N, C-alpha and C. Protein backbone atom coordinates (compact mmCIF):
# COMPACT_ATOMS: atom_id res chain seq x y z
N MET A 1 83.91 94.95 107.40
CA MET A 1 84.95 94.01 107.78
C MET A 1 85.00 92.89 106.75
N ARG A 2 86.20 92.38 106.54
CA ARG A 2 86.38 91.24 105.64
C ARG A 2 87.41 90.30 106.24
N ASN A 3 87.25 89.03 105.95
CA ASN A 3 88.22 88.05 106.39
C ASN A 3 89.53 88.28 105.63
N VAL A 4 90.65 88.20 106.33
CA VAL A 4 91.94 88.34 105.67
C VAL A 4 92.27 87.03 104.97
N ASP A 5 92.55 87.12 103.68
CA ASP A 5 93.00 85.97 102.92
C ASP A 5 94.36 86.32 102.29
N GLU A 6 94.90 85.44 101.50
CA GLU A 6 96.23 85.67 100.90
C GLU A 6 96.25 86.95 100.05
N LYS A 7 95.19 87.19 99.31
CA LYS A 7 95.12 88.37 98.43
C LYS A 7 95.14 89.66 99.26
N ILE A 8 94.33 89.71 100.31
CA ILE A 8 94.30 90.90 101.18
C ILE A 8 95.62 91.06 101.90
N ALA A 9 96.17 89.95 102.40
CA ALA A 9 97.46 90.01 103.10
C ALA A 9 98.54 90.57 102.18
N SER A 10 98.55 90.15 100.93
CA SER A 10 99.53 90.66 99.97
C SER A 10 99.31 92.15 99.69
N TYR A 11 98.07 92.53 99.47
CA TYR A 11 97.74 93.94 99.19
C TYR A 11 98.17 94.85 100.34
N LEU A 12 97.94 94.40 101.58
CA LEU A 12 98.26 95.22 102.75
C LEU A 12 99.69 94.96 103.26
N ASP A 13 100.42 94.09 102.56
CA ASP A 13 101.79 93.74 102.93
C ASP A 13 101.86 93.22 104.37
N LEU A 14 100.97 92.29 104.68
CA LEU A 14 100.92 91.71 106.03
C LEU A 14 101.84 90.50 106.11
N PRO A 15 102.41 90.24 107.28
CA PRO A 15 103.27 89.06 107.45
C PRO A 15 102.47 87.79 107.72
N PHE A 16 101.14 87.86 107.64
CA PHE A 16 100.27 86.72 107.91
C PHE A 16 98.98 86.89 107.12
N ALA A 17 98.23 85.79 106.98
CA ALA A 17 96.95 85.84 106.26
C ALA A 17 95.85 85.32 107.17
N GLU A 18 95.62 86.06 108.25
CA GLU A 18 94.56 85.67 109.19
C GLU A 18 94.02 86.91 109.87
N GLY A 19 92.85 86.79 110.45
CA GLY A 19 92.21 87.91 111.14
C GLY A 19 91.15 88.55 110.27
N ILE A 20 90.70 89.70 110.73
CA ILE A 20 89.63 90.44 110.05
C ILE A 20 90.13 91.86 109.77
N VAL A 21 90.02 92.29 108.53
CA VAL A 21 90.45 93.65 108.19
C VAL A 21 89.25 94.59 108.29
N VAL A 22 89.48 95.74 108.90
CA VAL A 22 88.47 96.80 108.97
C VAL A 22 88.59 97.58 107.66
N VAL A 23 87.56 97.55 106.85
CA VAL A 23 87.63 98.21 105.55
C VAL A 23 87.15 99.66 105.59
N ASP A 24 86.40 100.01 106.61
CA ASP A 24 85.95 101.40 106.72
C ASP A 24 85.45 101.63 108.15
N VAL A 25 85.61 102.84 108.62
CA VAL A 25 85.08 103.23 109.93
C VAL A 25 84.33 104.54 109.74
N VAL A 26 83.06 104.53 110.07
CA VAL A 26 82.22 105.71 109.93
C VAL A 26 82.55 106.69 111.07
N LYS A 27 82.76 107.95 110.71
CA LYS A 27 83.08 108.98 111.71
C LYS A 27 81.99 109.02 112.78
N ASP A 28 82.42 109.08 114.03
CA ASP A 28 81.55 109.16 115.21
C ASP A 28 80.73 107.89 115.46
N SER A 29 81.04 106.80 114.76
CA SER A 29 80.35 105.53 115.01
C SER A 29 80.94 104.89 116.26
N PRO A 30 80.27 103.87 116.82
CA PRO A 30 80.84 103.18 117.97
C PRO A 30 82.26 102.65 117.71
N SER A 31 82.51 102.13 116.50
CA SER A 31 83.85 101.64 116.16
C SER A 31 84.88 102.76 116.18
N ASP A 32 84.51 103.93 115.67
CA ASP A 32 85.38 105.09 115.67
C ASP A 32 85.68 105.53 117.11
N LYS A 33 84.66 105.55 117.94
CA LYS A 33 84.83 106.00 119.32
C LYS A 33 85.70 105.05 120.13
N ILE A 34 85.65 103.74 119.82
CA ILE A 34 86.51 102.78 120.51
C ILE A 34 87.96 102.93 120.05
N GLY A 35 88.15 103.36 118.80
CA GLY A 35 89.51 103.58 118.31
C GLY A 35 89.92 102.71 117.14
N LEU A 36 88.98 101.96 116.56
CA LEU A 36 89.32 101.18 115.37
C LEU A 36 89.55 102.11 114.20
N LYS A 37 90.50 101.72 113.34
CA LYS A 37 90.84 102.53 112.17
C LYS A 37 90.81 101.67 110.92
N LYS A 38 90.62 102.33 109.78
CA LYS A 38 90.63 101.65 108.50
C LYS A 38 91.93 100.86 108.34
N TYR A 39 91.82 99.64 107.89
CA TYR A 39 92.91 98.68 107.66
C TYR A 39 93.52 98.10 108.93
N ASP A 40 92.92 98.35 110.10
CA ASP A 40 93.32 97.59 111.29
C ASP A 40 92.98 96.12 111.01
N ILE A 41 93.82 95.24 111.53
CA ILE A 41 93.55 93.81 111.44
C ILE A 41 93.15 93.34 112.83
N ILE A 42 91.91 92.93 112.99
CA ILE A 42 91.44 92.44 114.28
C ILE A 42 91.89 90.99 114.42
N LYS A 43 92.68 90.75 115.47
CA LYS A 43 93.19 89.40 115.72
C LYS A 43 92.39 88.70 116.82
N LYS A 44 91.96 89.46 117.83
CA LYS A 44 91.19 88.88 118.93
C LYS A 44 90.13 89.86 119.39
N VAL A 45 89.01 89.31 119.84
CA VAL A 45 87.94 90.09 120.46
C VAL A 45 87.65 89.45 121.81
N ASN A 46 87.79 90.26 122.86
CA ASN A 46 87.58 89.76 124.23
C ASN A 46 88.38 88.49 124.50
N GLY A 47 89.61 88.46 123.99
CA GLY A 47 90.52 87.35 124.25
C GLY A 47 90.36 86.14 123.37
N LYS A 48 89.39 86.16 122.47
CA LYS A 48 89.16 85.02 121.58
C LYS A 48 89.60 85.37 120.16
N ASN A 49 90.25 84.40 119.49
CA ASN A 49 90.73 84.61 118.14
C ASN A 49 89.60 85.03 117.21
N ALA A 50 89.91 85.99 116.35
CA ALA A 50 88.95 86.46 115.35
C ALA A 50 89.35 85.86 114.01
N THR A 51 88.56 84.93 113.53
CA THR A 51 88.89 84.28 112.27
C THR A 51 87.90 84.61 111.16
N LYS A 52 86.67 84.98 111.52
CA LYS A 52 85.65 85.30 110.52
C LYS A 52 84.89 86.54 110.97
N SER A 53 84.60 87.42 110.02
CA SER A 53 83.87 88.64 110.35
C SER A 53 82.49 88.32 110.93
N SER A 54 81.88 87.24 110.45
CA SER A 54 80.56 86.86 110.97
C SER A 54 80.62 86.51 112.45
N GLU A 55 81.75 85.94 112.90
CA GLU A 55 81.91 85.61 114.32
C GLU A 55 81.96 86.88 115.17
N ILE A 56 82.66 87.89 114.68
CA ILE A 56 82.75 89.16 115.41
C ILE A 56 81.38 89.79 115.50
N GLN A 57 80.66 89.82 114.39
CA GLN A 57 79.33 90.41 114.38
C GLN A 57 78.41 89.68 115.35
N LYS A 58 78.54 88.36 115.43
CA LYS A 58 77.72 87.58 116.35
C LYS A 58 78.07 87.91 117.80
N LYS A 59 79.38 87.96 118.11
CA LYS A 59 79.82 88.28 119.47
C LYS A 59 79.31 89.65 119.90
N VAL A 60 79.44 90.62 119.02
CA VAL A 60 79.01 91.98 119.34
C VAL A 60 77.50 92.05 119.50
N SER A 61 76.76 91.32 118.66
CA SER A 61 75.30 91.36 118.75
C SER A 61 74.79 90.74 120.06
N GLU A 62 75.59 89.87 120.67
CA GLU A 62 75.20 89.24 121.93
C GLU A 62 75.50 90.14 123.14
N MET A 63 76.22 91.23 122.89
CA MET A 63 76.57 92.14 123.97
C MET A 63 75.55 93.27 124.05
N LYS A 64 75.58 93.99 125.18
CA LYS A 64 74.67 95.11 125.39
C LYS A 64 75.45 96.42 125.35
N PRO A 65 74.80 97.53 124.96
CA PRO A 65 75.46 98.83 125.04
C PRO A 65 76.00 99.05 126.46
N GLY A 66 77.23 99.52 126.52
CA GLY A 66 77.86 99.76 127.81
C GLY A 66 78.79 98.63 128.24
N ASP A 67 78.65 97.43 127.63
CA ASP A 67 79.56 96.32 127.94
C ASP A 67 80.97 96.68 127.44
N GLU A 68 81.98 96.26 128.20
CA GLU A 68 83.35 96.49 127.77
C GLU A 68 83.73 95.49 126.69
N ILE A 69 84.49 95.97 125.71
CA ILE A 69 84.96 95.12 124.62
C ILE A 69 86.45 95.39 124.44
N TYR A 70 87.20 94.32 124.20
CA TYR A 70 88.65 94.40 124.04
C TYR A 70 89.03 93.86 122.68
N PHE A 71 89.91 94.56 122.00
CA PHE A 71 90.41 94.12 120.71
C PHE A 71 91.92 94.02 120.76
N GLU A 72 92.45 92.94 120.18
CA GLU A 72 93.88 92.88 119.87
C GLU A 72 93.95 93.07 118.37
N ILE A 73 94.62 94.12 117.95
CA ILE A 73 94.69 94.43 116.52
C ILE A 73 96.14 94.53 116.08
N PHE A 74 96.34 94.43 114.78
CA PHE A 74 97.64 94.63 114.15
C PHE A 74 97.53 95.92 113.37
N ARG A 75 98.36 96.90 113.73
CA ARG A 75 98.31 98.22 113.09
C ARG A 75 99.74 98.73 112.89
N ASN A 76 100.04 99.15 111.68
CA ASN A 76 101.35 99.73 111.37
C ASN A 76 102.51 98.83 111.82
N GLY A 77 102.37 97.52 111.57
CA GLY A 77 103.45 96.61 111.84
C GLY A 77 103.60 96.12 113.27
N LYS A 78 102.64 96.47 114.14
CA LYS A 78 102.75 95.98 115.51
C LYS A 78 101.38 95.68 116.10
N ASN A 79 101.40 94.83 117.14
CA ASN A 79 100.17 94.49 117.84
C ASN A 79 99.80 95.61 118.80
N VAL A 80 98.52 95.92 118.83
CA VAL A 80 98.00 96.99 119.68
C VAL A 80 96.75 96.46 120.38
N ASN A 81 96.61 96.78 121.65
CA ASN A 81 95.40 96.41 122.40
C ASN A 81 94.57 97.67 122.61
N ILE A 82 93.29 97.58 122.29
CA ILE A 82 92.39 98.70 122.55
C ILE A 82 91.16 98.16 123.26
N LYS A 83 90.56 99.01 124.06
CA LYS A 83 89.33 98.62 124.73
C LYS A 83 88.41 99.82 124.81
N GLY A 84 87.16 99.52 124.97
CA GLY A 84 86.17 100.57 125.09
C GLY A 84 84.84 99.96 125.50
N LYS A 85 83.86 100.81 125.55
CA LYS A 85 82.51 100.36 125.87
C LYS A 85 81.71 100.32 124.59
N LEU A 86 80.93 99.26 124.49
CA LEU A 86 80.09 99.10 123.32
C LEU A 86 79.06 100.23 123.28
N GLY A 87 78.95 100.87 122.15
CA GLY A 87 78.01 101.98 122.00
C GLY A 87 76.66 101.53 121.51
N GLU A 88 75.75 102.46 121.48
CA GLU A 88 74.42 102.21 120.95
C GLU A 88 74.53 101.99 119.44
N LYS A 89 73.72 101.10 118.93
CA LYS A 89 73.66 100.88 117.50
C LYS A 89 73.03 102.13 116.86
N PRO A 90 73.65 102.67 115.82
CA PRO A 90 73.08 103.87 115.18
C PRO A 90 71.67 103.62 114.68
N GLN A 91 70.82 104.61 114.86
CA GLN A 91 69.45 104.54 114.35
C GLN A 91 69.44 105.00 112.91
N THR A 92 68.67 104.34 112.08
CA THR A 92 68.55 104.75 110.69
C THR A 92 67.12 105.23 110.44
N THR A 93 67.00 106.20 109.56
CA THR A 93 65.68 106.70 109.18
C THR A 93 65.57 106.68 107.68
N ASP A 94 64.35 106.56 107.21
CA ASP A 94 64.11 106.55 105.76
C ASP A 94 63.85 107.93 105.24
């Protein structure tokens, strides 16, 4: 995720320069299962404005697996609301 600035807004041809852009979604990840897609612009999380990617990461880290999460996103020129349950954080191995 990255904060939307004027450069990103211009590149993605957005009518605004705010929110958080999803730069990648890993297949079968919790984000994928909730329905987030590459280049979605997250405008709100659980009803609160999303202005910095670090804020979203903090909000999500304070939640538990199974908690409901709501996103207001901008996709393909329109606002879309999606919701889902927070998934387990993927385990990594060396």
